[in-house]
């Protein structure tokens, strides 16, 4: 299909694809059909297994019928696995469709936040400087605890504690 065929307004799935809720409903309907088919295939596999394993030919040993039935059972088992993976895939795609719309809505907000952050980085807010005072702050007396010292300096100074 070309993009022109997909974008035509008379395309019945265009409305379904436009809405995540409609997509989820449509995929759920398909999933129900596949689950029903899966139940029928399970029943068919069981009946085929019983028939094939009970089909004996003159001269068969006890396991020959079982060996002949294995390829048929394996093929039906593979079909059942594929149907199960299809149903899981439909459910997953419905979740992905909803997540896509949420990401689209969040993209605009994220872009605005990034632009604001960029603007803040380029033009940091100016802090107002405190008024200059010409008065000097009087210094307090040196109590001897101003700088870091080591344990070995305690003996040389008049300090009593560390």
C-alpha atoms as a PDB file:
ATOM      1  CA  UNK A   1       0.000   0.000   0.000  1.00  0.00           C
ATOM      2  CA  UNK A   2       1.196   3.472  -0.763  1.00  0.00           C
ATOM      3  CA  UNK A   3       0.955   6.391   1.625  1.00  0.00           C
ATOM      4  CA  UNK A   4      -1.790   7.884  -0.545  1.00  0.00           C
ATOM      5  CA  UNK A   5      -3.956   4.817  -0.029  1.00  0.00           C
ATOM      6  CA  UNK A   6      -3.354   4.877   3.725  1.00  0.00           C
ATOM      7  CA  UNK A   7      -4.133   8.587   4.101  1.00  0.00           C
ATOM      8  CA  UNK A   8      -7.424   8.492   2.196  1.00  0.00           C
ATOM      9  CA  UNK A   9     -10.379   9.538   4.367  1.00  0.00           C
ATOM     10  CA  UNK A  10     -12.454   6.500   3.361  1.00  0.00           C
ATOM     11  CA  UNK A  11      -9.902   4.071   4.819  1.00  0.00           C
ATOM     12  CA  UNK A  12     -11.825   2.276   7.630  1.00  0.00           C
ATOM     13  CA  UNK A  13      -8.768   1.783   9.853  1.00  0.00           C
ATOM     14  CA  UNK A  14      -7.684   5.439   9.700  1.00  0.00           C
ATOM     15  CA  UNK A  15     -10.042   6.353  12.548  1.00  0.00           C
ATOM     16  CA  UNK A  16      -8.945   3.315  14.547  1.00  0.00           C
ATOM     17  CA  UNK A  17      -5.271   4.190  14.127  1.00  0.00           C
ATOM     18  CA  UNK A  18      -5.892   7.799  15.186  1.00  0.00           C
ATOM     19  CA  UNK A  19      -7.202   6.899  18.647  1.00  0.00           C
ATOM     20  CA  UNK A  20      -5.379   4.722  21.212  1.00  0.00           C
ATOM     21  CA  UNK A  21      -8.704   3.641  22.744  1.00  0.00           C
ATOM     22  CA  UNK A  22     -10.099   2.567  19.368  1.00  0.00           C
ATOM     23  CA  UNK A  23      -6.842   0.766  18.585  1.00  0.00           C
ATOM     24  CA  UNK A  24      -7.016  -1.085  21.913  1.00  0.00           C
ATOM     25  CA  UNK A  25     -10.645  -2.125  21.272  1.00  0.00           C
ATOM     26  CA  UNK A  26      -9.829  -3.321  17.749  1.00  0.00           C
ATOM     27  CA  UNK A  27      -6.782  -5.295  18.896  1.00  0.00           C
ATOM     28  CA  UNK A  28      -8.789  -6.791  21.776  1.00  0.00           C
ATOM     29  CA  UNK A  29     -11.405  -8.023  19.290  1.00  0.00           C
ATOM     30  CA  UNK A  30      -8.709  -9.657  17.175  1.00  0.00           C
ATOM     31  CA  UNK A  31      -7.167 -11.142  20.312  1.00  0.00           C
ATOM     32  CA  UNK A  32     -10.519 -12.697  21.315  1.00  0.00           C
ATOM     33  CA  UNK A  33     -10.812 -14.316  17.881  1.00  0.00           C
ATOM     34  CA  UNK A  34      -7.251 -15.648  18.115  1.00  0.00           C
ATOM     35  CA  UNK A  35      -7.871 -17.033  21.604  1.00  0.00           C
ATOM     36  CA  UNK A  36     -10.972 -18.816  20.305  1.00  0.00           C
ATOM     37  CA  UNK A  37      -8.943 -20.227  17.410  1.00  0.00           C
ATOM     38  CA  UNK A  38      -6.275 -21.267  19.917  1.00  0.00           C
ATOM     39  CA  UNK A  39      -8.809 -23.215  21.991  1.00  0.00           C
ATOM     40  CA  UNK A  40     -10.030 -24.977  18.856  1.00  0.00           C
ATOM     41  CA  UNK A  41      -6.442 -25.783  17.845  1.00  0.00           C
ATOM     42  CA  UNK A  42      -5.708 -27.179  21.321  1.00  0.00           C
ATOM     43  CA  UNK A  43      -8.717 -29.463  21.007  1.00  0.00           C
ATOM     44  CA  UNK A  44      -7.635 -30.487  17.505  1.00  0.00           C
ATOM     45  CA  UNK A  45      -4.105 -31.200  18.741  1.00  0.00           C
ATOM     46  CA  UNK A  46      -5.419 -33.407  21.521  1.00  0.00           C
ATOM     47  CA  UNK A  47      -7.721 -35.349  19.209  1.00  0.00           C
ATOM     48  CA  UNK A  48      -4.954 -35.711  16.598  1.00  0.00           C
ATOM     49  CA  UNK A  49      -2.572 -36.968  19.260  1.00  0.00           C
ATOM     50  CA  UNK A  50      -5.026 -39.613  20.421  1.00  0.00           C
ATOM     51  CA  UNK A  51      -5.788 -40.738  16.861  1.00  0.00           C
ATOM     52  CA  UNK A  52      -2.171 -40.818  15.643  1.00  0.00           C
ATOM     53  CA  UNK A  53      -0.839 -42.631  18.698  1.00  0.00           C
ATOM     54  CA  UNK A  54      -3.564 -45.265  18.463  1.00  0.00           C
ATOM     55  CA  UNK A  55      -2.970 -45.965  14.774  1.00  0.00           C
ATOM     56  CA  UNK A  56      -0.968 -49.197  14.667  1.00  0.00           C
ATOM     57  CA  UNK A  57       0.208 -51.196  11.674  1.00  0.00           C
ATOM     58  CA  UNK A  58       0.896 -54.948  11.672  1.00  0.00           C
ATOM     59  CA  UNK A  59       4.422 -55.587  12.873  1.00  0.00           C
ATOM     60  CA  UNK A  60       4.741 -52.331  14.864  1.00  0.00           C
ATOM     61  CA  UNK A  61       6.666 -52.337  18.061  1.00  0.00           C
ATOM     62  CA  UNK A  62       5.028 -50.542  21.012  1.00  0.00           C
ATOM     63  CA  UNK A  63       6.722 -47.167  20.304  1.00  0.00           C
ATOM     64  CA  UNK A  64       6.457 -47.047  16.481  1.00  0.00           C
ATOM     65  CA  UNK A  65       3.044 -45.336  16.498  1.00  0.00           C
ATOM     66  CA  UNK A  66       4.327 -42.826  19.043  1.00  0.00           C
ATOM     67  CA  UNK A  67       7.365 -42.047  16.846  1.00  0.00           C
ATOM     68  CA  UNK A  68       5.150 -41.532  13.763  1.00  0.00           C
ATOM     69  CA  UNK A  69       2.888 -39.164  15.726  1.00  0.00           C
ATOM     70  CA  UNK A  70       5.710 -36.900  16.964  1.00  0.00           C
ATOM     71  CA  UNK A  71       6.141 -34.736  13.805  1.00  0.00           C
ATOM     72  CA  UNK A  72       2.388 -34.114  13.616  1.00  0.00           C
ATOM     73  CA  UNK A  73       2.206 -33.196  17.322  1.00  0.00           C
ATOM     74  CA  UNK A  74       5.260 -30.952  17.023  1.00  0.00           C
ATOM     75  CA  UNK A  75       3.756 -29.082  14.060  1.00  0.00           C
ATOM     76  CA  UNK A  76       0.507 -28.438  15.918  1.00  0.00           C
ATOM     77  CA  UNK A  77       2.425 -27.407  19.038  1.00  0.00           C
ATOM     78  CA  UNK A  78       4.391 -24.862  16.952  1.00  0.00           C
ATOM     79  CA  UNK A  79       1.146 -23.431  15.562  1.00  0.00           C
ATOM     80  CA  UNK A  80      -0.223 -23.061  19.096  1.00  0.00           C
ATOM     81  CA  UNK A  81       2.956 -21.261  20.192  1.00  0.00           C
ATOM     82  CA  UNK A  82       2.620 -18.879  17.252  1.00  0.00           C
ATOM     83  CA  UNK A  83      -1.012 -18.119  18.095  1.00  0.00           C
ATOM     84  CA  UNK A  84      -0.025 -17.458  21.718  1.00  0.00           C
ATOM     85  CA  UNK A  85       2.796 -15.139  20.662  1.00  0.00           C
ATOM     86  CA  UNK A  86       0.382 -13.312  18.346  1.00  0.00           C
ATOM     87  CA  UNK A  87      -2.041 -12.660  21.194  1.00  0.00           C
ATOM     88  CA  UNK A  88       0.777 -11.401  23.421  1.00  0.00           C
ATOM     89  CA  UNK A  89       2.024  -9.193  20.593  1.00  0.00           C
ATOM     90  CA  UNK A  90      -1.427  -7.667  20.111  1.00  0.00           C
ATOM     91  CA  UNK A  91      -1.648  -6.811  23.787  1.00  0.00           C
ATOM     92  CA  UNK A  92       1.846  -5.337  23.768  1.00  0.00           C
ATOM     93  CA  UNK A  93       1.125  -3.215  20.701  1.00  0.00           C
ATOM     94  CA  UNK A  94      -1.991  -1.758  22.368  1.00  0.00           C
ATOM     95  CA  UNK A  95       0.144  -0.661  25.329  1.00  0.00           C
ATOM     96  CA  UNK A  96       2.807   0.757  23.000  1.00  0.00           C
ATOM     97  CA  UNK A  97       0.149   2.742  21.124  1.00  0.00           C
ATOM     98  CA  UNK A  98      -1.058   4.360  24.337  1.00  0.00           C
ATOM     99  CA  UNK A  99       2.527   5.064  25.422  1.00  0.00           C
ATOM    100  CA  UNK A 100       3.150   6.758  22.068  1.00  0.00           C
ATOM    101  CA  UNK A 101       0.338   9.262  22.664  1.00  0.00           C
ATOM    102  CA  UNK A 102       1.594   9.932  26.198  1.00  0.00           C
ATOM    103  CA  UNK A 103       5.099  10.568  24.840  1.00  0.00           C
ATOM    104  CA  UNK A 104       3.733  12.937  22.206  1.00  0.00           C
ATOM    105  CA  UNK A 105       1.897  14.927  24.874  1.00  0.00           C
ATOM    106  CA  UNK A 106       4.948  15.027  27.130  1.00  0.00           C
ATOM    107  CA  UNK A 107       7.346  16.030  24.325  1.00  0.00           C
ATOM    108  CA  UNK A 108       6.081  19.627  24.184  1.00  0.00           C
ATOM    109  CA  UNK A 109       6.414  20.035  27.940  1.00  0.00           C
ATOM    110  CA  UNK A 110       9.922  18.565  27.938  1.00  0.00           C
ATOM    111  CA  UNK A 111      11.019  20.900  25.146  1.00  0.00           C
ATOM    112  CA  UNK A 112       9.738  23.946  27.025  1.00  0.00           C
ATOM    113  CA  UNK A 113      11.519  22.832  30.193  1.00  0.00           C
ATOM    114  CA  UNK A 114      14.784  22.331  28.280  1.00  0.00           C
ATOM    115  CA  UNK A 115      14.489  25.763  26.684  1.00  0.00           C
ATOM    116  CA  UNK A 116      13.921  27.362  30.077  1.00  0.00           C
ATOM    117  CA  UNK A 117      16.882  25.481  31.523  1.00  0.00           C
ATOM    118  CA  UNK A 118      19.061  26.596  28.609  1.00  0.00           C
ATOM    119  CA  UNK A 119      17.981  30.190  29.092  1.00  0.00           C
ATOM    120  CA  UNK A 120      18.803  29.965  32.798  1.00  0.00           C
ATOM    121  CA  UNK A 121      22.266  28.618  32.029  1.00  0.00           C
ATOM    122  CA  UNK A 122      22.981  31.353  29.487  1.00  0.00           C
ATOM    123  CA  UNK A 123      21.697  34.171  31.678  1.00  0.00           C
ATOM    124  CA  UNK A 124      22.173  33.257  35.334  1.00  0.00           C
ATOM    125  CA  UNK A 125      20.194  35.430  37.731  1.00  0.00           C
ATOM    126  CA  UNK A 126      22.186  38.427  38.956  1.00  0.00           C
ATOM    127  CA  UNK A 127      22.651  38.493  42.693  1.00  0.00           C
ATOM    128  CA  UNK A 128      22.397  41.934  44.197  1.00  0.00           C
ATOM    129  CA  UNK A 129      25.638  42.975  45.896  1.00  0.00           C
ATOM    130  CA  UNK A 130      25.421  44.249  49.433  1.00  0.00           C
ATOM    131  CA  UNK A 131      26.078  47.957  49.874  1.00  0.00           C
ATOM    132  CA  UNK A 132      29.723  48.799  50.535  1.00  0.00           C
ATOM    133  CA  UNK A 133      30.380  49.922  54.057  1.00  0.00           C
ATOM    134  CA  UNK A 134      33.400  51.965  54.882  1.00  0.00           C
ATOM    135  CA  UNK A 135      33.390  50.881  58.477  1.00  0.00           C
ATOM    136  CA  UNK A 136      35.694  48.076  59.397  1.00  0.00           C
ATOM    137  CA  UNK A 137      34.377  45.255  61.464  1.00  0.00           C
ATOM    138  CA  UNK A 138      36.368  44.985  64.682  1.00  0.00           C
ATOM    139  CA  UNK A 139      38.331  41.776  64.970  1.00  0.00           C
ATOM    140  CA  UNK A 140      37.856  39.468  67.866  1.00  0.00           C
ATOM    141  CA  UNK A 141      40.784  38.389  69.929  1.00  0.00           C
ATOM    142  CA  UNK A 142      42.676  35.355  68.714  1.00  0.00           C
ATOM    143  CA  UNK A 143      41.743  32.533  71.068  1.00  0.00           C
ATOM    144  CA  UNK A 144      44.231  30.094  69.620  1.00  0.00           C
ATOM    145  CA  UNK A 145      41.642  27.923  67.928  1.00  0.00           C
ATOM    146  CA  UNK A 146      41.686  29.604  64.516  1.00  0.00           C
ATOM    147  CA  UNK A 147      43.720  27.193  62.404  1.00  0.00           C
ATOM    148  CA  UNK A 148      43.912  23.452  62.208  1.00  0.00           C
ATOM    149  CA  UNK A 149      46.800  21.909  64.060  1.00  0.00           C
ATOM    150  CA  UNK A 150      48.109  18.425  64.497  1.00  0.00           C
ATOM    151  CA  UNK A 151      48.341  16.404  67.694  1.00  0.00           C
ATOM    152  CA  UNK A 152      52.072  16.994  67.829  1.00  0.00           C
ATOM    153  CA  UNK A 153      51.562  20.778  67.990  1.00  0.00           C
ATOM    154  CA  UNK A 154      49.658  20.429  71.249  1.00  0.00           C
ATOM    155  CA  UNK A 155      52.856  19.966  73.224  1.00  0.00           C
ATOM    156  CA  UNK A 156      54.418  23.141  71.860  1.00  0.00           C
ATOM    157  CA  UNK A 157      51.449  25.411  72.487  1.00  0.00           C
ATOM    158  CA  UNK A 158      49.675  26.193  75.701  1.00  0.00           C
ATOM    159  CA  UNK A 159      46.501  24.398  74.715  1.00  0.00           C
ATOM    160  CA  UNK A 160      45.026  21.947  77.148  1.00  0.00           C
ATOM    161  CA  UNK A 161      42.635  20.150  74.759  1.00  0.00           C
ATOM    162  CA  UNK A 162      42.403  19.373  71.093  1.00  0.00           C
END
